[in-house]
Amino acid sequence: MLTLVAPDASFYQSFTESHSEWAGAHQDGTGLFPGDDITSQEGFEAWVRKLLAAERAVEKDGIVPCTYLWMTKGARYVGSIAFRHHLTPALLNSGGHIGYGVRPSERGQGVASWALQELCVRLVAQGEPDRVLLTCDDSNAASAKTIERPGGVLEDARIDADGDLFRRYWINLAAPTN
C-alpha cells in the first residue's frame, strides 16, 4: 500500500538503493542538491533534517519554504513529491509549486498519479492555495498525463534556458478532482 510520509532517516538503505537507480540523473521532488551527503548515515540524517526544516524556512536566494513528502510502500522508498509554498518569478516561469520523481523501478504503476492526487487532497484540506502550478518537459508524456489526471489544464509551453520546450499546467484545487 502506498503512503506519503515525512522524510525519515529510517529509509536510508532504501533511499540509497533508489538513488543508485537514477544513475546520476536529477531526482525531481527530492530536495537533493549538489553537495548534499546522502552516502553516509550521518550525512543522510543531516539531509533529512534539512528537508524537514525546509517547511519553515525563510525565502532566500530564490529558495522558498517547501514541504517534502516521500512515497513509500511499507519500508520501501519509491519516490518524492515536494510542495513549494509560494512562487517566485522564476518558479512562476518554469518551476511551479509541485515537483515529483519516482524511482525508475517503480514507474508505470501509477505511483506519481496517486501521490499528486493525495497531495492535492491535503492542500484542499489546508485551504490554500486556490490553484497550483506544475511543469514538465514537453517530451515527457507520462508526466503530462500524471498532471492532467487530477485536472491539470495546460496554460502554455515555453523554452527553458537550455532551449528545451516545457509545459506549464495549473490545477484548480477548488474544483473537484478525478
Protein backbone atom coordinates (compact mmCIF):
# COMPACT_ATOMS: atom_id res chain seq x y z
CA MET A 1 0.00 0.00 0.00
CA LEU A 2 1.29 3.45 -0.90
CA THR A 3 1.68 6.14 1.74
CA LEU A 4 3.04 9.68 1.84
CA VAL A 5 5.33 10.24 4.81
CA ALA A 6 7.64 12.95 6.03
CA PRO A 7 11.30 12.28 5.21
CA ASP A 8 12.72 9.86 7.76
CA ALA A 9 16.26 8.62 8.30
CA SER A 10 14.95 5.07 8.72
CA PHE A 11 14.65 4.95 4.90
CA TYR A 12 18.42 5.33 4.47
CA GLN A 13 19.04 1.92 2.86
CA SER A 14 16.00 2.06 0.58
CA PHE A 15 16.70 5.67 -0.45
CA THR A 16 20.32 4.91 -1.35
CA GLU A 17 19.17 1.93 -3.42
CA SER A 18 16.72 4.23 -5.21
CA HIS A 19 19.40 6.88 -5.70
CA SER A 20 21.61 4.35 -7.49
CA GLU A 21 18.74 3.54 -9.88
CA TRP A 22 18.74 7.16 -11.05
CA ALA A 23 22.31 6.70 -12.31
CA GLY A 24 23.25 10.34 -11.72
CA ALA A 25 20.11 11.89 -13.21
CA HIS A 26 18.37 14.73 -11.36
CA GLN A 27 15.76 13.43 -8.92
CA ASP A 28 12.81 15.85 -9.07
CA GLY A 29 10.99 16.46 -5.81
CA THR A 30 13.74 15.20 -3.51
CA GLY A 31 15.36 18.46 -2.45
CA LEU A 32 18.71 16.86 -3.21
CA PHE A 33 21.29 19.48 -4.15
CA PRO A 34 24.94 19.17 -5.17
CA GLY A 35 27.00 18.93 -2.01
CA ASP A 36 24.34 17.06 -0.01
CA ASP A 37 25.90 13.95 1.51
CA ILE A 38 23.48 11.06 1.31
CA THR A 39 26.08 8.31 1.10
CA SER A 40 26.94 8.17 4.81
CA GLN A 41 24.34 7.50 7.51
CA GLU A 42 25.30 10.76 9.28
CA GLY A 43 25.13 12.77 6.06
CA PHE A 44 21.76 11.25 5.20
CA GLU A 45 20.40 12.08 8.65
CA ALA A 46 21.60 15.69 8.29
CA TRP A 47 19.97 15.91 4.85
CA VAL A 48 16.67 14.58 6.25
CA ARG A 49 16.79 17.24 8.99
CA LYS A 50 17.36 19.88 6.28
CA LEU A 51 14.31 18.64 4.33
CA LEU A 52 12.13 18.76 7.43
CA ALA A 53 13.33 22.28 8.27
CA ALA A 54 12.59 23.49 4.71
CA GLU A 55 8.90 23.74 5.54
CA ARG A 56 9.63 26.57 7.98
CA ALA A 57 12.48 28.18 6.02
CA VAL A 58 12.63 31.85 5.21
CA GLU A 59 12.89 32.59 1.48
CA LYS A 60 16.49 33.15 0.49
CA ASP A 61 18.23 33.19 -2.89
CA GLY A 62 15.05 32.03 -4.65
CA ILE A 63 14.55 29.04 -2.34
CA VAL A 64 11.06 29.17 -0.78
CA PRO A 65 9.51 27.21 2.10
CA CYS A 66 8.85 23.69 0.85
CA THR A 67 7.15 20.59 2.21
CA TYR A 68 8.82 17.35 1.17
CA LEU A 69 6.96 14.05 1.33
CA TRP A 70 8.17 10.59 0.47
CA MET A 71 6.15 7.98 -1.39
CA THR A 72 6.59 4.65 0.32
CA LYS A 73 5.41 1.05 0.14
CA GLY A 74 5.98 -0.21 3.67
CA ALA A 75 9.68 0.24 4.37
CA ARG A 76 10.48 0.81 0.68
CA TYR A 77 11.14 4.36 -0.54
CA VAL A 78 9.58 4.73 -4.01
CA GLY A 79 9.69 8.47 -4.69
CA SER A 80 9.37 12.05 -3.53
CA ILE A 81 6.92 14.88 -4.01
CA ALA A 82 7.56 18.46 -2.97
CA PHE A 83 5.21 21.40 -2.50
CA ARG A 84 6.71 24.89 -2.72
CA HIS A 85 4.53 27.14 -0.57
CA HIS A 86 4.65 30.13 -2.93
CA LEU A 87 6.10 31.09 -6.27
CA THR A 88 8.99 33.41 -7.01
CA PRO A 89 9.13 34.89 -10.53
CA ALA A 90 11.48 32.06 -11.56
CA LEU A 91 9.18 29.37 -10.12
CA LEU A 92 6.19 31.01 -11.80
CA ASN A 93 8.01 30.88 -15.11
CA SER A 94 9.41 27.38 -15.03
CA GLY A 95 9.48 25.58 -11.67
CA GLY A 96 5.96 25.53 -10.30
CA HIS A 97 4.58 24.64 -6.89
CA ILE A 98 4.97 20.87 -7.14
CA GLY A 99 7.77 18.59 -8.26
CA TYR A 100 7.89 14.82 -8.05
CA GLY A 101 10.02 11.88 -9.02
CA VAL A 102 9.52 8.13 -8.86
CA ARG A 103 12.39 5.67 -8.70
CA PRO A 104 12.89 4.02 -12.10
CA SER A 105 11.91 0.51 -10.91
CA GLU A 106 8.51 1.81 -9.71
CA ARG A 107 7.49 3.81 -12.77
CA GLY A 108 4.45 2.95 -14.85
CA GLN A 109 2.48 1.77 -11.80
CA GLY A 110 0.51 4.94 -11.04
CA VAL A 111 2.71 5.99 -8.12
CA ALA A 112 3.15 9.61 -9.24
CA SER A 113 -0.54 9.96 -10.11
CA TRP A 114 -1.53 8.65 -6.70
CA ALA A 115 0.96 10.94 -4.89
CA LEU A 116 -0.13 14.05 -6.82
CA GLN A 117 -3.80 13.31 -6.15
CA GLU A 118 -3.08 12.71 -2.46
CA LEU A 119 -1.10 15.93 -2.16
CA CYS A 120 -3.90 17.89 -3.85
CA VAL A 121 -6.41 16.45 -1.35
CA ARG A 122 -4.14 17.52 1.53
CA LEU A 123 -3.75 21.02 0.09
CA VAL A 124 -7.54 21.36 -0.28
CA ALA A 125 -7.94 20.35 3.38
CA GLN A 126 -5.44 23.05 4.36
CA GLY A 127 -7.44 25.62 2.40
CA GLU A 128 -4.71 27.14 0.26
CA PRO A 129 -3.53 27.82 -2.34
CA ASP A 130 -6.54 28.00 -4.68
CA ARG A 131 -4.51 26.53 -7.52
CA VAL A 132 -1.07 25.03 -8.11
CA LEU A 133 1.37 25.21 -10.99
CA LEU A 134 3.23 22.17 -12.30
CA THR A 135 5.66 21.92 -15.18
CA CYS A 136 7.06 19.07 -17.22
CA ASP A 137 9.26 18.56 -20.24
CA ASP A 138 7.22 18.65 -23.44
CA SER A 139 8.58 15.22 -24.36
CA ASN A 140 7.53 13.63 -21.03
CA ALA A 141 4.10 12.24 -21.95
CA ALA A 142 3.85 10.21 -18.72
CA SER A 143 4.33 13.30 -16.57
CA ALA A 144 1.83 15.28 -18.67
CA LYS A 145 -0.78 12.53 -18.11
CA THR A 146 0.03 12.49 -14.39
CA ILE A 147 -0.64 16.24 -14.19
CA GLU A 148 -3.79 16.08 -16.33
CA ARG A 149 -5.43 13.27 -14.28
CA PRO A 150 -6.30 15.49 -11.26
CA GLY A 151 -7.46 18.29 -13.53
CA GLY A 152 -4.26 19.91 -14.75
CA VAL A 153 -5.02 22.42 -17.52
CA LEU A 154 -2.27 23.36 -19.94
CA GLU A 155 -1.63 27.10 -19.86
CA ASP A 156 1.26 27.25 -22.29
CA ALA A 157 4.56 25.81 -23.42
CA ARG A 158 7.84 27.68 -23.09
CA ILE A 159 11.51 27.31 -23.88
CA ASP A 160 13.89 26.93 -20.92
CA ALA A 161 17.43 28.32 -20.63
CA ASP A 162 18.82 25.19 -22.34
CA GLY A 163 16.49 25.63 -25.33
CA ASP A 164 14.20 22.75 -24.32
CA LEU A 165 10.42 23.01 -24.57
CA PHE A 166 8.41 22.51 -21.36
CA ARG A 167 4.71 22.67 -20.48
CA ARG A 168 3.05 24.70 -17.70
CA TYR A 169 -0.15 23.34 -16.14
CA TRP A 170 -2.48 24.70 -13.45
CA ILE A 171 -4.60 22.51 -11.19
CA ASN A 172 -7.59 24.32 -9.65
CA LEU A 173 -7.81 22.96 -6.10
CA ALA A 174 -11.29 24.38 -5.65
CA ALA A 175 -12.59 22.17 -8.47
CA PRO A 176 -13.45 18.50 -7.94
CA THR A 177 -10.65 16.12 -8.95
CA ASN A 178 -10.91 12.74 -10.65
